[in-house]
Amino acid sequence: MMRALYISATGMQAQDKNISTITQNLSNVNTNGYKKRVANFEDLLYQTLREPGTELTDGVSAPTGIQLGNGVRVTGISKINTQGGFQITDNPFDLAIEGEGFFQIQLPNGSIGYTRDGAFRPDATGQLVNASGLILDPPIVVPQDAESVTVGTNGVVSVIQGDNQTAVQIGQIQTVRFINPGGMKNQGRNIATETIASGAPLQGTPGQGEFGTIAQGSLETSNVTVVDEMVNLITAQRAYESNSKGIQTADSMLQTANGLKR
């Protein structure tokens, strides 16, 4: 009976993490470039009271063993890196990646962060920065007298200045990809960084090889589907309730045992 108490407790703890993951997805349904998360579970170690195939009598073996489990735990929270939808903004500085790849962002500590959020704007000096004021890497500086800005699918940035109607190239956007993007570490503000699990970033030109192309005037939306998350939330809630019932049942059995008269 005590085992049932602990098993149900692990179930409640695991579902609490699961519900937190689901609500994180729902809260970011409108976040540019957000990728949904999924909690992964595994059963805990077993106490083996009898090995499967144990010989019971001469020539007769047990078809099954006796193994008592000890509950469940969350082993990881996976990121689902499927393509999100596209929101057309017609803003020349809004960029979306169609396919694999991340934009590179210069972080305050001098390192590089990676994001799928392509909502960039020129700052006071003309450098393209994200919503937090962090600079796009490699830097792109838009001239003050630029009348129009064009970003090609290959990341080439061109402008038309003043009376000169010939487009002039001012920079090249480079994107990176990872062997295991799910292993990147989330830093908040739509930025992730590399880890040993993600592998080193592979830099390339948009549209070449496995690298996705750039879509100007668009933003990639979250890949969270509200209906799916609501169904997952209901399922997780019911699982949490079921585990709480297990604790109540085990407690009732203990109460009955303690009430036995000798």
Protein backbone atom coordinates (compact mmCIF):
# COMPACT_ATOMS: atom_id res chain seq x y z
CA MET A 1 0.00 0.00 0.00
CA MET A 2 2.88 2.36 0.75
CA ARG A 3 4.25 1.60 -2.72
CA ALA A 4 0.96 2.77 -4.23
CA LEU A 5 1.27 6.08 -2.39
CA TYR A 6 4.73 6.77 -3.80
CA ILE A 7 3.81 5.57 -7.31
CA SER A 8 0.79 7.87 -7.44
CA ALA A 9 2.93 10.73 -6.13
CA THR A 10 5.41 10.30 -8.99
CA GLY A 11 2.48 10.30 -11.41
CA MET A 12 1.17 13.58 -10.02
CA GLN A 13 4.63 15.16 -10.16
CA ALA A 14 5.11 14.04 -13.76
CA GLN A 15 1.70 15.34 -14.86
CA ASP A 16 2.38 18.65 -13.11
CA LYS A 17 5.44 19.08 -15.37
CA ASN A 18 3.37 17.95 -18.35
CA ILE A 19 0.67 20.55 -17.64
CA SER A 20 3.34 23.24 -17.23
CA THR A 21 4.73 22.33 -20.65
CA ILE A 22 1.29 22.45 -22.28
CA THR A 23 0.40 25.81 -20.72
CA GLN A 24 3.77 27.18 -21.88
CA ASN A 25 2.76 26.21 -25.42
CA LEU A 26 -0.64 27.86 -25.07
CA SER A 27 0.84 31.05 -23.64
CA ASN A 28 3.15 31.33 -26.67
CA VAL A 29 0.58 30.63 -29.36
CA ASN A 30 1.17 34.14 -30.78
CA THR A 31 4.96 34.22 -30.29
CA ASN A 32 6.92 34.60 -33.55
CA GLY A 33 8.88 31.46 -34.43
CA TYR A 34 7.94 29.62 -31.23
CA LYS A 35 8.24 25.82 -31.39
CA LYS A 36 5.93 23.68 -29.28
CA ARG A 37 7.33 21.52 -26.49
CA VAL A 38 6.34 17.97 -25.54
CA ALA A 39 7.09 16.25 -22.22
CA ASN A 40 8.64 12.76 -22.49
CA PHE A 41 8.03 10.11 -19.82
CA GLU A 42 9.67 6.86 -18.74
CA ASP A 43 8.82 4.27 -16.12
CA LEU A 44 11.10 4.03 -13.08
CA LEU A 45 13.14 1.06 -11.91
CA TYR A 46 11.39 -2.21 -11.12
CA GLN A 47 11.68 -4.49 -8.14
CA THR A 48 11.97 -8.02 -9.50
CA LEU A 49 10.43 -10.62 -7.21
CA ARG A 50 10.62 -13.39 -9.80
CA GLU A 51 12.53 -13.43 -13.06
CA PRO A 52 10.59 -14.29 -16.23
CA GLY A 53 11.29 -17.89 -17.23
CA THR A 54 12.10 -19.02 -13.69
CA GLU A 55 11.79 -22.79 -13.35
CA LEU A 56 8.78 -23.61 -11.19
CA THR A 57 8.97 -27.41 -11.30
CA ASP A 58 10.86 -29.90 -13.41
CA GLY A 59 10.49 -28.81 -17.02
CA VAL A 60 7.97 -26.08 -16.21
CA SER A 61 9.01 -22.42 -16.40
CA ALA A 62 7.06 -19.32 -15.46
CA PRO A 63 5.81 -17.59 -18.63
CA THR A 64 6.01 -14.24 -16.88
CA GLY A 65 7.90 -12.80 -13.97
CA ILE A 66 6.83 -10.67 -11.03
CA GLN A 67 8.10 -7.14 -11.33
CA LEU A 68 6.69 -4.26 -9.31
CA GLY A 69 7.15 -0.78 -10.73
CA ASN A 70 7.99 2.39 -8.86
CA GLY A 71 6.21 5.02 -10.91
CA VAL A 72 7.11 7.47 -13.66
CA ARG A 73 9.25 10.51 -14.30
CA VAL A 74 9.77 13.16 -16.98
CA THR A 75 13.00 12.41 -18.84
CA GLY A 76 13.01 15.47 -21.06
CA ILE A 77 11.00 18.14 -22.81
CA SER A 78 11.39 17.87 -26.57
CA LYS A 79 11.05 20.77 -28.99
CA ILE A 80 9.01 20.07 -32.12
CA ASN A 81 10.76 21.97 -34.90
CA THR A 82 8.09 21.78 -37.57
CA GLN A 83 7.45 24.81 -39.78
CA GLY A 84 5.04 27.37 -38.37
CA GLY A 85 2.57 29.33 -40.44
CA PHE A 86 3.30 32.66 -42.13
CA GLN A 87 1.85 36.06 -41.34
CA ILE A 88 2.12 38.54 -44.19
CA THR A 89 3.10 41.96 -42.81
CA ASP A 90 4.45 43.70 -45.95
CA ASN A 91 7.10 45.24 -43.70
CA PRO A 92 10.43 45.03 -45.58
CA PHE A 93 12.32 44.31 -42.36
CA ASP A 94 10.14 41.34 -41.35
CA LEU A 95 11.84 38.12 -42.45
CA ALA A 96 10.76 34.48 -42.23
CA ILE A 97 12.79 31.35 -42.89
CA GLU A 98 11.08 28.79 -45.11
CA GLY A 99 12.74 25.53 -44.16
CA GLU A 100 15.69 24.85 -41.88
CA GLY A 101 17.82 27.54 -40.31
CA PHE A 102 18.16 30.20 -37.64
CA PHE A 103 19.04 33.88 -37.69
CA GLN A 104 22.16 34.80 -35.74
CA ILE A 105 21.92 37.44 -33.01
CA GLN A 106 24.78 39.15 -31.15
CA LEU A 107 24.17 38.75 -27.41
CA PRO A 108 25.31 41.34 -24.85
CA ASN A 109 28.07 39.01 -23.56
CA GLY A 110 29.60 38.81 -27.04
CA SER A 111 28.37 35.31 -27.86
CA ILE A 112 25.89 34.40 -30.59
CA GLY A 113 22.26 33.43 -30.06
CA TYR A 114 19.91 31.87 -32.58
CA THR A 115 16.29 32.63 -33.35
CA ARG A 116 13.46 31.96 -35.81
CA ASP A 117 11.91 35.33 -34.98
CA GLY A 118 12.65 37.57 -37.95
CA ALA A 119 10.98 40.77 -36.73
CA PHE A 120 13.91 43.14 -37.35
CA ARG A 121 14.02 46.94 -37.40
CA PRO A 122 16.79 49.47 -38.11
CA ASP A 123 18.07 51.25 -35.00
CA ALA A 124 19.26 54.87 -34.81
CA THR A 125 22.43 54.00 -36.72
CA GLY A 126 20.64 51.90 -39.36
CA GLN A 127 21.75 48.52 -38.02
CA LEU A 128 19.11 45.80 -38.13
CA VAL A 129 18.17 44.71 -34.60
CA ASN A 130 15.48 42.49 -33.08
CA ALA A 131 12.72 43.60 -30.72
CA SER A 132 15.16 43.53 -27.79
CA GLY A 133 17.67 45.75 -29.62
CA LEU A 134 20.14 42.91 -30.24
CA ILE A 135 22.08 43.18 -33.49
CA LEU A 136 21.61 40.76 -36.39
CA ASP A 137 24.84 38.93 -37.22
CA PRO A 138 26.54 39.52 -39.63
CA PRO A 139 25.54 43.17 -39.21
CA ILE A 140 23.39 44.82 -41.86
CA VAL A 141 23.43 48.63 -41.93
CA VAL A 142 20.66 50.34 -43.88
CA PRO A 143 21.71 53.75 -45.26
CA GLN A 144 19.76 56.74 -43.98
CA ASP A 145 18.77 57.77 -47.52
CA ALA A 146 17.53 54.31 -48.56
CA GLU A 147 14.19 54.58 -50.35
CA SER A 148 13.53 50.85 -50.51
CA VAL A 149 15.06 47.69 -49.07
CA THR A 150 14.91 44.32 -50.76
CA VAL A 151 15.92 41.01 -49.20
CA GLY A 152 16.27 38.15 -51.68
CA THR A 153 15.38 34.54 -50.97
CA ASN A 154 19.13 33.92 -50.76
CA GLY A 155 19.55 36.56 -48.03
CA VAL A 156 21.13 39.26 -50.21
CA VAL A 157 20.10 42.71 -48.94
CA SER A 158 19.87 45.50 -51.53
CA VAL A 159 18.73 49.12 -51.35
CA ILE A 160 17.82 51.91 -53.73
CA GLN A 161 19.19 55.30 -52.66
CA GLY A 162 18.17 58.77 -53.77
CA ASP A 163 18.09 59.37 -57.49
CA ASN A 164 20.05 56.21 -58.22
CA GLN A 165 17.47 53.65 -59.29
CA THR A 166 20.03 50.86 -59.45
CA ALA A 167 19.86 48.48 -56.51
CA VAL A 168 23.06 48.37 -54.44
CA GLN A 169 23.93 45.34 -52.32
CA ILE A 170 24.67 46.27 -48.72
CA GLY A 171 24.98 42.88 -47.07
CA GLN A 172 24.32 39.16 -46.97
CA ILE A 173 22.22 37.44 -44.31
CA GLN A 174 23.77 34.14 -43.23
CA THR A 175 21.73 31.51 -41.42
CA VAL A 176 22.83 28.45 -39.45
CA ARG A 177 21.43 25.01 -38.84
CA PHE A 178 22.08 22.35 -36.22
CA ILE A 179 22.29 18.58 -36.39
CA ASN A 180 20.05 18.41 -33.31
CA PRO A 181 18.13 21.70 -32.93
CA GLY A 182 16.08 20.12 -30.13
CA GLY A 183 19.24 20.09 -28.00
CA MET A 184 19.60 23.88 -28.03
CA LYS A 185 19.24 25.74 -24.73
CA ASN A 186 16.36 28.22 -24.52
CA GLN A 187 17.40 31.62 -23.17
CA GLY A 188 14.06 33.42 -23.42
CA ARG A 189 13.34 36.44 -25.65
CA ASN A 190 12.91 34.00 -28.59
CA ILE A 191 16.62 33.13 -28.45
CA ALA A 192 18.39 29.79 -28.01
CA THR A 193 22.08 28.95 -27.76
CA GLU A 194 24.17 25.98 -28.79
CA THR A 195 25.01 23.13 -26.43
CA ILE A 196 26.99 19.91 -26.61
CA ALA A 197 23.71 18.14 -27.41
CA SER A 198 22.82 20.44 -30.32
CA GLY A 199 26.25 20.25 -31.91
CA ALA A 200 28.16 23.17 -33.41
CA PRO A 201 26.27 25.54 -35.73
CA LEU A 202 26.66 24.96 -39.45
CA GLN A 203 26.66 28.29 -41.27
CA GLY A 204 25.43 28.66 -44.82
CA THR A 205 23.64 30.78 -47.39
CA PRO A 206 19.83 30.70 -47.43
CA GLY A 207 18.49 28.55 -50.22
CA GLN A 208 21.64 26.47 -50.64
CA GLY A 209 21.76 22.82 -49.65
CA GLU A 210 19.65 22.11 -46.56
CA PHE A 211 19.25 25.79 -45.69
CA GLY A 212 15.80 27.33 -45.99
CA THR A 213 15.06 30.44 -48.02
CA ILE A 214 14.20 33.94 -46.77
CA ALA A 215 10.70 35.36 -47.23
CA GLN A 216 10.64 39.15 -46.96
CA GLY A 217 7.57 40.92 -45.57
CA SER A 218 6.49 37.86 -43.56
CA LEU A 219 6.86 36.46 -40.06
CA GLU A 220 6.82 32.82 -39.03
CA THR A 221 4.12 32.22 -36.44
CA SER A 222 4.08 29.64 -33.65
CA ASN A 223 3.55 26.00 -34.65
CA VAL A 224 1.26 25.48 -31.64
CA THR A 225 -2.23 24.20 -32.46
CA VAL A 226 -4.62 25.39 -29.77
CA VAL A 227 -7.11 22.53 -30.23
CA ASP A 228 -4.39 19.89 -29.84
CA GLU A 229 -3.00 21.57 -26.74
CA MET A 230 -6.45 21.80 -25.15
CA VAL A 231 -7.00 18.07 -25.73
CA ASN A 232 -3.55 17.36 -24.24
CA LEU A 233 -4.39 19.58 -21.28
CA ILE A 234 -7.62 17.72 -20.58
CA THR A 235 -5.82 14.37 -20.85
CA ALA A 236 -3.07 15.52 -18.47
CA GLN A 237 -5.65 16.85 -16.00
CA ARG A 238 -7.51 13.53 -16.00
CA ALA A 239 -4.24 11.65 -15.48
CA TYR A 240 -3.42 13.94 -12.55
CA GLU A 241 -6.85 13.31 -11.05
CA SER A 242 -6.48 9.55 -11.53
CA ASN A 243 -3.18 9.55 -9.66
CA SER A 244 -4.73 11.57 -6.84
CA LYS A 245 -7.46 8.92 -6.64
CA GLY A 246 -4.70 6.32 -6.28
CA ILE A 247 -3.36 8.19 -3.25
CA GLN A 248 -6.84 8.42 -1.74
CA THR A 249 -7.42 4.69 -2.30
CA ALA A 250 -4.08 3.72 -0.76
CA ASP A 251 -4.79 6.02 2.19
CA SER A 252 -8.20 4.39 2.67
CA MET A 253 -6.61 0.93 2.63
CA LEU A 254 -4.05 2.02 5.23
CA GLN A 255 -6.85 3.42 7.38
CA THR A 256 -8.71 0.12 7.12
CA ALA A 257 -5.60 -1.84 8.05
CA ASN A 258 -4.90 0.44 11.00
CA GLY A 259 -8.48 -0.03 12.18
CA LEU A 260 -8.28 -3.81 12.40
CA LYS A 261 -8.81 -5.09 15.90
CA ARG A 262 -6.69 -7.89 17.23
